[in-house]
Amino acid sequence: MQIGEFEDMVGRIYWHRDSRRSVEQNYIHLVEEVGELGSAIVGGDRASIEEELADTLAWLVTVAAVLKVDLDRVATRRYNNACPKCRSLPCRCAGL
């Protein structure tokens, strides 16, 4: 599945609710999911990690949708087969 396909799927499932919330409210949900992901990582439970990664991605897509940002387009533009800082593949940035 491509990013755009995932964006479309999340929109079909949740846009009727997500669009009624402010971008700030949707962002708070994203931050909560990142916190749950952190807890799952610390706990080491692979199933929980995978679930929270998916939830975090869904909320990131929601925030982008409310902001009318096409993640597929902006991610490709920023990371177009090279590091956006050093422009190398693989990245050659010092200290990273």
PDB file of N, CA and C in Angstrom:
ATOM      1  N   MET A   1       0.854  -1.179   0.000  1.00  0.00           N
ATOM      2  CA  MET A   1       0.000   0.000   0.000  1.00  0.00           C
ATOM      3  C   MET A   1       0.897   1.239   0.000  1.00  0.00           C
ATOM      4  N   GLN A   2       0.571   2.191  -0.828  1.00  0.00           N
ATOM      5  CA  GLN A   2       1.281   3.466  -0.900  1.00  0.00           C
ATOM      6  C   GLN A   2       0.721   4.434   0.146  1.00  0.00           C
ATOM      7  N   ILE A   3       1.480   5.468   0.460  1.00  0.00           N
ATOM      8  CA  ILE A   3       1.027   6.445   1.453  1.00  0.00           C
ATOM      9  C   ILE A   3      -0.316   7.038   1.056  1.00  0.00           C
ATOM     10  N   GLY A   4      -0.468   7.407  -0.204  1.00  0.00           N
ATOM     11  CA  GLY A   4      -1.728   7.993  -0.672  1.00  0.00           C
ATOM     12  C   GLY A   4      -2.909   7.057  -0.508  1.00  0.00           C
ATOM     13  N   GLU A   5      -2.688   5.786  -0.732  1.00  0.00           N
ATOM     14  CA  GLU A   5      -3.760   4.800  -0.542  1.00  0.00           C
ATOM     15  C   GLU A   5      -4.157   4.712   0.926  1.00  0.00           C
ATOM     16  N   PHE A   6      -3.160   4.770   1.814  1.00  0.00           N
ATOM     17  CA  PHE A   6      -3.453   4.745   3.245  1.00  0.00           C
ATOM     18  C   PHE A   6      -4.202   6.008   3.655  1.00  0.00           C
ATOM     19  N   GLU A   7      -3.778   7.161   3.113  1.00  0.00           N
ATOM     20  CA  GLU A   7      -4.482   8.421   3.387  1.00  0.00           C
ATOM     21  C   GLU A   7      -5.953   8.310   2.977  1.00  0.00           C
ATOM     22  N   ASP A   8      -6.203   7.761   1.795  1.00  0.00           N
ATOM     23  CA  ASP A   8      -7.580   7.600   1.314  1.00  0.00           C
ATOM     24  C   ASP A   8      -8.387   6.675   2.220  1.00  0.00           C
ATOM     25  N   MET A   9      -7.778   5.568   2.644  1.00  0.00           N
ATOM     26  CA  MET A   9      -8.469   4.609   3.492  1.00  0.00           C
ATOM     27  C   MET A   9      -8.831   5.230   4.843  1.00  0.00           C
ATOM     28  N   VAL A  10      -7.874   5.909   5.473  1.00  0.00           N
ATOM     29  CA  VAL A  10      -8.138   6.549   6.760  1.00  0.00           C
ATOM     30  C   VAL A  10      -9.239   7.600   6.595  1.00  0.00           C
ATOM     31  N   GLY A  11      -9.187   8.337   5.504  1.00  0.00           N
ATOM     32  CA  GLY A  11     -10.229   9.331   5.241  1.00  0.00           C
ATOM     33  C   GLY A  11     -11.613   8.717   5.113  1.00  0.00           C
ATOM     34  N   ARG A  12     -11.701   7.612   4.386  1.00  0.00           N
ATOM     35  CA  ARG A  12     -13.007   6.947   4.235  1.00  0.00           C
ATOM     36  C   ARG A  12     -13.544   6.465   5.576  1.00  0.00           C
ATOM     37  N   ILE A  13     -12.662   6.006   6.436  1.00  0.00           N
ATOM     38  CA  ILE A  13     -13.079   5.469   7.732  1.00  0.00           C
ATOM     39  C   ILE A  13     -13.425   6.576   8.729  1.00  0.00           C
ATOM     40  N   TYR A  14     -12.595   7.633   8.794  1.00  0.00           N
ATOM     41  CA  TYR A  14     -12.688   8.575   9.910  1.00  0.00           C
ATOM     42  C   TYR A  14     -12.966  10.034   9.564  1.00  0.00           C
ATOM     43  N   TRP A  15     -12.908  10.442   8.281  1.00  0.00           N
ATOM     44  CA  TRP A  15     -13.009  11.866   7.958  1.00  0.00           C
ATOM     45  C   TRP A  15     -14.278  12.500   8.511  1.00  0.00           C
ATOM     46  N   HIS A  16     -15.375  11.755   8.532  1.00  0.00           N
ATOM     47  CA  HIS A  16     -16.643  12.308   9.030  1.00  0.00           C
ATOM     48  C   HIS A  16     -16.514  12.787  10.478  1.00  0.00           C
ATOM     49  N   ARG A  17     -15.596  12.204  11.251  1.00  0.00           N
ATOM     50  CA  ARG A  17     -15.367  12.666  12.632  1.00  0.00           C
ATOM     51  C   ARG A  17     -14.157  13.593  12.725  1.00  0.00           C
ATOM     52  N   ASP A  18     -13.071  13.197  12.067  1.00  0.00           N
ATOM     53  CA  ASP A  18     -11.823  13.959  12.179  1.00  0.00           C
ATOM     54  C   ASP A  18     -11.975  15.383  11.666  1.00  0.00           C
ATOM     55  N   SER A  19     -12.763  15.573  10.632  1.00  0.00           N
ATOM     56  CA  SER A  19     -12.917  16.905  10.040  1.00  0.00           C
ATOM     57  C   SER A  19     -13.673  17.863  10.946  1.00  0.00           C
ATOM     58  N   ARG A  20     -14.388  17.342  11.910  1.00  0.00           N
ATOM     59  CA  ARG A  20     -15.123  18.200  12.849  1.00  0.00           C
ATOM     60  C   ARG A  20     -14.248  18.685  14.003  1.00  0.00           C
ATOM     61  N   ARG A  21     -13.088  18.035  14.173  1.00  0.00           N
ATOM     62  CA  ARG A  21     -12.154  18.450  15.219  1.00  0.00           C
ATOM     63  C   ARG A  21     -11.189  19.480  14.652  1.00  0.00           C
ATOM     64  N   SER A  22     -10.658  20.306  15.531  1.00  0.00           N
ATOM     65  CA  SER A  22      -9.624  21.256  15.111  1.00  0.00           C
ATOM     66  C   SER A  22      -8.333  20.492  14.855  1.00  0.00           C
ATOM     67  N   VAL A  23      -7.431  21.125  14.139  1.00  0.00           N
ATOM     68  CA  VAL A  23      -6.133  20.509  13.909  1.00  0.00           C
ATOM     69  C   VAL A  23      -5.433  20.278  15.248  1.00  0.00           C
ATOM     70  N   GLU A  24      -5.607  21.196  16.187  1.00  0.00           N
ATOM     71  CA  GLU A  24      -4.986  21.042  17.510  1.00  0.00           C
ATOM     72  C   GLU A  24      -5.524  19.804  18.231  1.00  0.00           C
ATOM     73  N   GLN A  25      -6.820  19.570  18.155  1.00  0.00           N
ATOM     74  CA  GLN A  25      -7.398  18.391  18.809  1.00  0.00           C
ATOM     75  C   GLN A  25      -6.889  17.104  18.165  1.00  0.00           C
ATOM     76  N   ASN A  26      -6.800  17.087  16.844  1.00  0.00           N
ATOM     77  CA  ASN A  26      -6.267  15.912  16.163  1.00  0.00           C
ATOM     78  C   ASN A  26      -4.796  15.712  16.498  1.00  0.00           C
ATOM     79  N   TYR A  27      -4.050  16.804  16.611  1.00  0.00           N
ATOM     80  CA  TYR A  27      -2.644  16.729  16.976  1.00  0.00           C
ATOM     81  C   TYR A  27      -2.475  16.133  18.380  1.00  0.00           C
ATOM     82  N   ILE A  28      -3.338  16.508  19.299  1.00  0.00           N
ATOM     83  CA  ILE A  28      -3.280  15.946  20.653  1.00  0.00           C
ATOM     84  C   ILE A  28      -3.454  14.432  20.605  1.00  0.00           C
ATOM     85  N   HIS A  29      -4.359  13.948  19.763  1.00  0.00           N
ATOM     86  CA  HIS A  29      -4.519  12.495  19.602  1.00  0.00           C
ATOM     87  C   HIS A  29      -3.238  11.863  19.061  1.00  0.00           C
ATOM     88  N   LEU A  30      -2.579  12.525  18.104  1.00  0.00           N
ATOM     89  CA  LEU A  30      -1.313  12.025  17.567  1.00  0.00           C
ATOM     90  C   LEU A  30      -0.268  11.911  18.669  1.00  0.00           C
ATOM     91  N   VAL A  31      -0.148  12.952  19.479  1.00  0.00           N
ATOM     92  CA  VAL A  31       0.841  12.954  20.564  1.00  0.00           C
ATOM     93  C   VAL A  31       0.528  11.845  21.568  1.00  0.00           C
ATOM     94  N   GLU A  32      -0.741  11.637  21.867  1.00  0.00           N
ATOM     95  CA  GLU A  32      -1.128  10.546  22.774  1.00  0.00           C
ATOM     96  C   GLU A  32      -0.697   9.197  22.208  1.00  0.00           C
ATOM     97  N   GLU A  33      -0.887   9.014  20.908  1.00  0.00           N
ATOM     98  CA  GLU A  33      -0.481   7.752  20.277  1.00  0.00           C
ATOM     99  C   GLU A  33       1.030   7.570  20.301  1.00  0.00           C
ATOM    100  N   VAL A  34       1.780   8.650  20.108  1.00  0.00           N
ATOM    101  CA  VAL A  34       3.241   8.558  20.191  1.00  0.00           C
ATOM    102  C   VAL A  34       3.640   8.134  21.603  1.00  0.00           C
ATOM    103  N   GLY A  35       2.964   8.665  22.614  1.00  0.00           N
ATOM    104  CA  GLY A  35       3.227   8.252  23.987  1.00  0.00           C
ATOM    105  C   GLY A  35       2.924   6.778  24.206  1.00  0.00           C
ATOM    106  N   GLU A  36       1.814   6.306  23.645  1.00  0.00           N
ATOM    107  CA  GLU A  36       1.472   4.887  23.757  1.00  0.00           C
ATOM    108  C   GLU A  36       2.496   4.027  23.027  1.00  0.00           C
ATOM    109  N   LEU A  37       3.000   4.519  21.907  1.00  0.00           N
ATOM    110  CA  LEU A  37       4.052   3.806  21.183  1.00  0.00           C
ATOM    111  C   LEU A  37       5.305   3.708  22.050  1.00  0.00           C
ATOM    112  N   GLY A  38       5.669   4.803  22.696  1.00  0.00           N
ATOM    113  CA  GLY A  38       6.831   4.787  23.582  1.00  0.00           C
ATOM    114  C   GLY A  38       6.677   3.766  24.697  1.00  0.00           C
ATOM    115  N   SER A  39       5.493   3.715  25.278  1.00  0.00           N
ATOM    116  CA  SER A  39       5.235   2.735  26.344  1.00  0.00           C
ATOM    117  C   SER A  39       5.338   1.313  25.813  1.00  0.00           C
ATOM    118  N   ALA A  40       4.825   1.084  24.606  1.00  0.00           N
ATOM    119  CA  ALA A  40       4.897  -0.252  24.009  1.00  0.00           C
ATOM    120  C   ALA A  40       6.345  -0.643  23.726  1.00  0.00           C
ATOM    121  N   ILE A  41       7.150   0.314  23.265  1.00  0.00           N
ATOM    122  CA  ILE A  41       8.560   0.032  22.999  1.00  0.00           C
ATOM    123  C   ILE A  41       9.277  -0.319  24.298  1.00  0.00           C
ATOM    124  N   VAL A  42       9.045   0.472  25.338  1.00  0.00           N
ATOM    125  CA  VAL A  42       9.671   0.200  26.634  1.00  0.00           C
ATOM    126  C   VAL A  42       9.229  -1.167  27.167  1.00  0.00           C
ATOM    127  N   GLY A  43       7.953  -1.493  26.952  1.00  0.00           N
ATOM    128  CA  GLY A  43       7.431  -2.776  27.417  1.00  0.00           C
ATOM    129  C   GLY A  43       7.909  -3.959  26.598  1.00  0.00           C
ATOM    130  N   GLY A  44       8.344  -3.702  25.386  1.00  0.00           N
ATOM    131  CA  GLY A  44       8.900  -4.761  24.558  1.00  0.00           C
ATOM    132  C   GLY A  44       7.900  -5.724  23.945  1.00  0.00           C
ATOM    133  N   ASP A  45       6.624  -5.373  23.980  1.00  0.00           N
ATOM    134  CA  ASP A  45       5.593  -6.251  23.429  1.00  0.00           C
ATOM    135  C   ASP A  45       5.432  -5.961  21.934  1.00  0.00           C
ATOM    136  N   ARG A  46       5.891  -6.887  21.103  1.00  0.00           N
ATOM    137  CA  ARG A  46       5.907  -6.691  19.653  1.00  0.00           C
ATOM    138  C   ARG A  46       4.513  -6.396  19.094  1.00  0.00           C
ATOM    139  N   ALA A  47       3.504  -7.095  19.544  1.00  0.00           N
ATOM    140  CA  ALA A  47       2.147  -6.875  19.035  1.00  0.00           C
ATOM    141  C   ALA A  47       1.666  -5.468  19.371  1.00  0.00           C
ATOM    142  N   SER A  48       1.942  -4.995  20.581  1.00  0.00           N
ATOM    143  CA  SER A  48       1.555  -3.642  20.983  1.00  0.00           C
ATOM    144  C   SER A  48       2.338  -2.595  20.201  1.00  0.00           C
ATOM    145  N   ILE A  49       3.611  -2.843  19.964  1.00  0.00           N
ATOM    146  CA  ILE A  49       4.431  -1.919  19.187  1.00  0.00           C
ATOM    147  C   ILE A  49       3.841  -1.756  17.786  1.00  0.00           C
ATOM    148  N   GLU A  50       3.521  -2.861  17.154  1.00  0.00           N
ATOM    149  CA  GLU A  50       2.972  -2.811  15.805  1.00  0.00           C
ATOM    150  C   GLU A  50       1.631  -2.074  15.777  1.00  0.00           C
ATOM    151  N   GLU A  51       0.782  -2.356  16.749  1.00  0.00           N
ATOM    152  CA  GLU A  51      -0.519  -1.685  16.827  1.00  0.00           C
ATOM    153  C   GLU A  51      -0.353  -0.181  17.012  1.00  0.00           C
ATOM    154  N   GLU A  52       0.541   0.211  17.907  1.00  0.00           N
ATOM    155  CA  GLU A  52       0.739   1.641  18.176  1.00  0.00           C
ATOM    156  C   GLU A  52       1.424   2.356  17.013  1.00  0.00           C
ATOM    157  N   LEU A  53       2.310   1.667  16.295  1.00  0.00           N
ATOM    158  CA  LEU A  53       2.886   2.262  15.092  1.00  0.00           C
ATOM    159  C   LEU A  53       1.792   2.562  14.068  1.00  0.00           C
ATOM    160  N   ALA A  54       0.883   1.616  13.879  1.00  0.00           N
ATOM    161  CA  ALA A  54      -0.222   1.819  12.938  1.00  0.00           C
ATOM    162  C   ALA A  54      -1.130   2.958  13.395  1.00  0.00           C
ATOM    163  N   ASP A  55      -1.434   3.008  14.688  1.00  0.00           N
ATOM    164  CA  ASP A  55      -2.283   4.086  15.208  1.00  0.00           C
ATOM    165  C   ASP A  55      -1.608   5.447  15.059  1.00  0.00           C
ATOM    166  N   THR A  56      -0.308   5.499  15.332  1.00  0.00           N
ATOM    167  CA  THR A  56       0.435   6.755  15.192  1.00  0.00           C
ATOM    168  C   THR A  56       0.424   7.224  13.745  1.00  0.00           C
ATOM    169  N   LEU A  57       0.631   6.302  12.818  1.00  0.00           N
ATOM    170  CA  LEU A  57       0.591   6.658  11.400  1.00  0.00           C
ATOM    171  C   LEU A  57      -0.791   7.172  11.006  1.00  0.00           C
ATOM    172  N   ALA A  58      -1.844   6.527  11.491  1.00  0.00           N
ATOM    173  CA  ALA A  58      -3.207   6.960  11.165  1.00  0.00           C
ATOM    174  C   ALA A  58      -3.475   8.376  11.676  1.00  0.00           C
ATOM    175  N   TRP A  59      -3.023   8.683  12.879  1.00  0.00           N
ATOM    176  CA  TRP A  59      -3.236  10.039  13.403  1.00  0.00           C
ATOM    177  C   TRP A  59      -2.371  11.067  12.687  1.00  0.00           C
ATOM    178  N   LEU A  60      -1.167  10.687  12.262  1.00  0.00           N
ATOM    179  CA  LEU A  60      -0.339  11.593  11.465  1.00  0.00           C
ATOM    180  C   LEU A  60      -1.047  11.916  10.146  1.00  0.00           C
ATOM    181  N   VAL A  61      -1.608  10.910   9.522  1.00  0.00           N
ATOM    182  CA  VAL A  61      -2.362  11.101   8.280  1.00  0.00           C
ATOM    183  C   VAL A  61      -3.561  12.011   8.530  1.00  0.00           C
ATOM    184  N   THR A  62      -4.223  11.843   9.653  1.00  0.00           N
ATOM    185  CA  THR A  62      -5.377  12.685   9.991  1.00  0.00           C
ATOM    186  C   THR A  62      -4.962  14.139  10.145  1.00  0.00           C
ATOM    187  N   VAL A  63      -3.886  14.391  10.870  1.00  0.00           N
ATOM    188  CA  VAL A  63      -3.419  15.766  11.051  1.00  0.00           C
ATOM    189  C   VAL A  63      -3.086  16.373   9.685  1.00  0.00           C
ATOM    190  N   ALA A  64      -2.414  15.623   8.844  1.00  0.00           N
ATOM    191  CA  ALA A  64      -2.086  16.120   7.504  1.00  0.00           C
ATOM    192  C   ALA A  64      -3.357  16.417   6.709  1.00  0.00           C
ATOM    193  N   ALA A  65      -4.346  15.555   6.800  1.00  0.00           N
ATOM    194  CA  ALA A  65      -5.596  15.751   6.055  1.00  0.00           C
ATOM    195  C   ALA A  65      -6.319  17.010   6.512  1.00  0.00           C
ATOM    196  N   VAL A  66      -6.381  17.229   7.815  1.00  0.00           N
ATOM    197  CA  VAL A  66      -7.049  18.421   8.339  1.00  0.00           C
ATOM    198  C   VAL A  66      -6.312  19.680   7.882  1.00  0.00           C
ATOM    199  N   LEU A  67      -4.987  19.580   7.762  1.00  0.00           N
ATOM    200  CA  LEU A  67      -4.179  20.701   7.277  1.00  0.00           C
ATOM    201  C   LEU A  67      -4.153  20.789   5.747  1.00  0.00           C
ATOM    202  N   LYS A  68      -4.798  19.817   5.090  1.00  0.00           N
ATOM    203  CA  LYS A  68      -4.818  19.740   3.626  1.00  0.00           C
ATOM    204  C   LYS A  68      -3.409  19.589   3.043  1.00  0.00           C
ATOM    205  N   VAL A  69      -2.631  18.705   3.678  1.00  0.00           N
ATOM    206  CA  VAL A  69      -1.274  18.392   3.227  1.00  0.00           C
ATOM    207  C   VAL A  69      -1.278  16.970   2.673  1.00  0.00           C
ATOM    208  N   ASP A  70      -0.794  16.810   1.467  1.00  0.00           N
ATOM    209  CA  ASP A  70      -0.672  15.505   0.829  1.00  0.00           C
ATOM    210  C   ASP A  70       0.663  14.893   1.264  1.00  0.00           C
ATOM    211  N   LEU A  71       0.607  13.973   2.216  1.00  0.00           N
ATOM    212  CA  LEU A  71       1.836  13.382   2.754  1.00  0.00           C
ATOM    213  C   LEU A  71       2.644  12.664   1.684  1.00  0.00           C
ATOM    214  N   ASP A  72       1.980  11.999   0.782  1.00  0.00           N
ATOM    215  CA  ASP A  72       2.666  11.294  -0.295  1.00  0.00           C
ATOM    216  C   ASP A  72       3.538  12.280  -1.076  1.00  0.00           C
ATOM    217  N   ARG A  73       2.972  13.407  -1.428  1.00  0.00           N
ATOM    218  CA  ARG A  73       3.687  14.411  -2.218  1.00  0.00           C
ATOM    219  C   ARG A  73       4.833  15.034  -1.427  1.00  0.00           C
ATOM    220  N   VAL A  74       4.551  15.471  -0.188  1.00  0.00           N
ATOM    221  CA  VAL A  74       5.591  16.182   0.570  1.00  0.00           C
ATOM    222  C   VAL A  74       6.708  15.257   1.038  1.00  0.00           C
ATOM    223  N   ALA A  75       6.381  14.012   1.362  1.00  0.00           N
ATOM    224  CA  ALA A  75       7.420  13.063   1.772  1.00  0.00           C
ATOM    225  C   ALA A  75       8.343  12.741   0.603  1.00  0.00           C
ATOM    226  N   THR A  76       7.749  12.548  -0.572  1.00  0.00           N
ATOM    227  CA  THR A  76       8.556  12.272  -1.754  1.00  0.00           C
ATOM    228  C   THR A  76       9.417  13.472  -2.111  1.00  0.00           C
ATOM    229  N   ARG A  77       8.850  14.661  -2.034  1.00  0.00           N
ATOM    230  CA  ARG A  77       9.613  15.874  -2.347  1.00  0.00           C
ATOM    231  C   ARG A  77      10.786  16.036  -1.378  1.00  0.00           C
ATOM    232  N   ARG A  78      10.556  15.797  -0.099  1.00  0.00           N
ATOM    233  CA  ARG A  78      11.600  16.018   0.913  1.00  0.00           C
ATOM    234  C   ARG A  78      12.671  14.932   0.884  1.00  0.00           C
ATOM    235  N   TYR A  79      12.283  13.673   0.700  1.00  0.00           N
ATOM    236  CA  TYR A  79      13.208  12.543   0.801  1.00  0.00           C
ATOM    237  C   TYR A  79      13.442  11.853  -0.534  1.00  0.00           C
ATOM    238  N   ASN A  80      13.387  12.535  -1.607  1.00  0.00           N
ATOM    239  CA  ASN A  80      13.454  11.965  -2.949  1.00  0.00           C
ATOM    240  C   ASN A  80      14.734  11.153  -3.178  1.00  0.00           C
ATOM    241  N   ASN A  81      14.767   9.950  -2.593  1.00  0.00           N
ATOM    242  CA  ASN A  81      15.870   8.993  -2.748  1.00  0.00           C
ATOM    243  C   ASN A  81      17.216   9.496  -2.256  1.00  0.00           C
ATOM    244  N   ALA A  82      17.202  10.429  -1.317  1.00  0.00           N
ATOM    245  CA  ALA A  82      18.453  10.907  -0.727  1.00  0.00           C
ATOM    246  C   ALA A  82      18.156  11.610   0.596  1.00  0.00           C
ATOM    247  N   CYS A  83      19.165  11.716   1.424  1.00  0.00           N
ATOM    248  CA  CYS A  83      19.045  12.468   2.674  1.00  0.00           C
ATOM    249  C   CYS A  83      18.764  13.931   2.334  1.00  0.00           C
ATOM    250  N   PRO A  84      17.756  14.545   2.950  1.00  0.00           N
ATOM    251  CA  PRO A  84      17.466  15.939   2.621  1.00  0.00           C
ATOM    252  C   PRO A  84      18.539  16.923   3.090  1.00  0.00           C
ATOM    253  N   LYS A  85      19.407  16.504   3.997  1.00  0.00           N
ATOM    254  CA  LYS A  85      20.450  17.407   4.489  1.00  0.00           C
ATOM    255  C   LYS A  85      21.723  17.322   3.650  1.00  0.00           C
ATOM    256  N   CYS A  86      22.254  16.114   3.478  1.00  0.00           N
ATOM    257  CA  CYS A  86      23.523  15.969   2.757  1.00  0.00           C
ATOM    258  C   CYS A  86      23.330  15.557   1.302  1.00  0.00           C
ATOM    259  N   ARG A  87      22.101  15.207   0.938  1.00  0.00           N
ATOM    260  CA  ARG A  87      21.747  14.797  -0.429  1.00  0.00           C
ATOM    261  C   ARG A  87      22.432  13.502  -0.872  1.00  0.00           C
ATOM    262  N   SER A  88      22.872  12.689   0.080  1.00  0.00           N
ATOM    263  CA  SER A  88      23.546  11.438  -0.239  1.00  0.00           C
ATOM    264  C   SER A  88      22.633  10.248  -0.006  1.00  0.00           C
ATOM    265  N   LEU A  89      22.963   9.153  -0.697  1.00  0.00           N
ATOM    266  CA  LEU A  89      22.291   7.875  -0.516  1.00  0.00           C
ATOM    267  C   LEU A  89      23.377   6.814  -0.464  1.00  0.00           C
ATOM    268  N   PRO A  90      23.644   6.203   0.675  1.00  0.00           N
ATOM    269  CA  PRO A  90      23.022   6.463   1.972  1.00  0.00           C
ATOM    270  C   PRO A  90      23.504   7.787   2.564  1.00  0.00           C
ATOM    271  N   CYS A  91      22.826   8.189   3.628  1.00  0.00           N
ATOM    272  CA  CYS A  91      23.158   9.430   4.323  1.00  0.00           C
ATOM    273  C   CYS A  91      24.606   9.403   4.787  1.00  0.00           C
ATOM    274  N   ARG A  92      25.281  10.544   4.601  1.00  0.00           N
ATOM    275  CA  ARG A  92      26.672  10.694   5.034  1.00  0.00           C
ATOM    276  C   ARG A  92      26.828  11.827   6.057  1.00  0.00           C
ATOM    277  N   CYS A  93      25.706  12.248   6.654  1.00  0.00           N
ATOM    278  CA  CYS A  93      25.765  13.308   7.659  1.00  0.00           C
ATOM    279  C   CYS A  93      26.625  12.858   8.839  1.00  0.00           C
ATOM    280  N   ALA A  94      27.463  13.729   9.309  1.00  0.00           N
ATOM    281  CA  ALA A  94      28.341  13.412  10.432  1.00  0.00           C
ATOM    282  C   ALA A  94      27.540  13.370  11.727  1.00  0.00           C
ATOM    283  N   GLY A  95      27.806  12.355  12.542  1.00  0.00           N
ATOM    284  CA  GLY A  95      27.237  12.281  13.872  1.00  0.00           C
ATOM    285  C   GLY A  95      25.792  11.800  13.952  1.00  0.00           C
ATOM    286  N   LEU A  96      25.211  11.367  12.879  1.00  0.00           N
ATOM    287  CA  LEU A  96      23.816  10.909  12.934  1.00  0.00           C
ATOM    288  C   LEU A  96      23.727   9.425  12.970  1.00  0.00           C
TER     289      LEU A  96
END
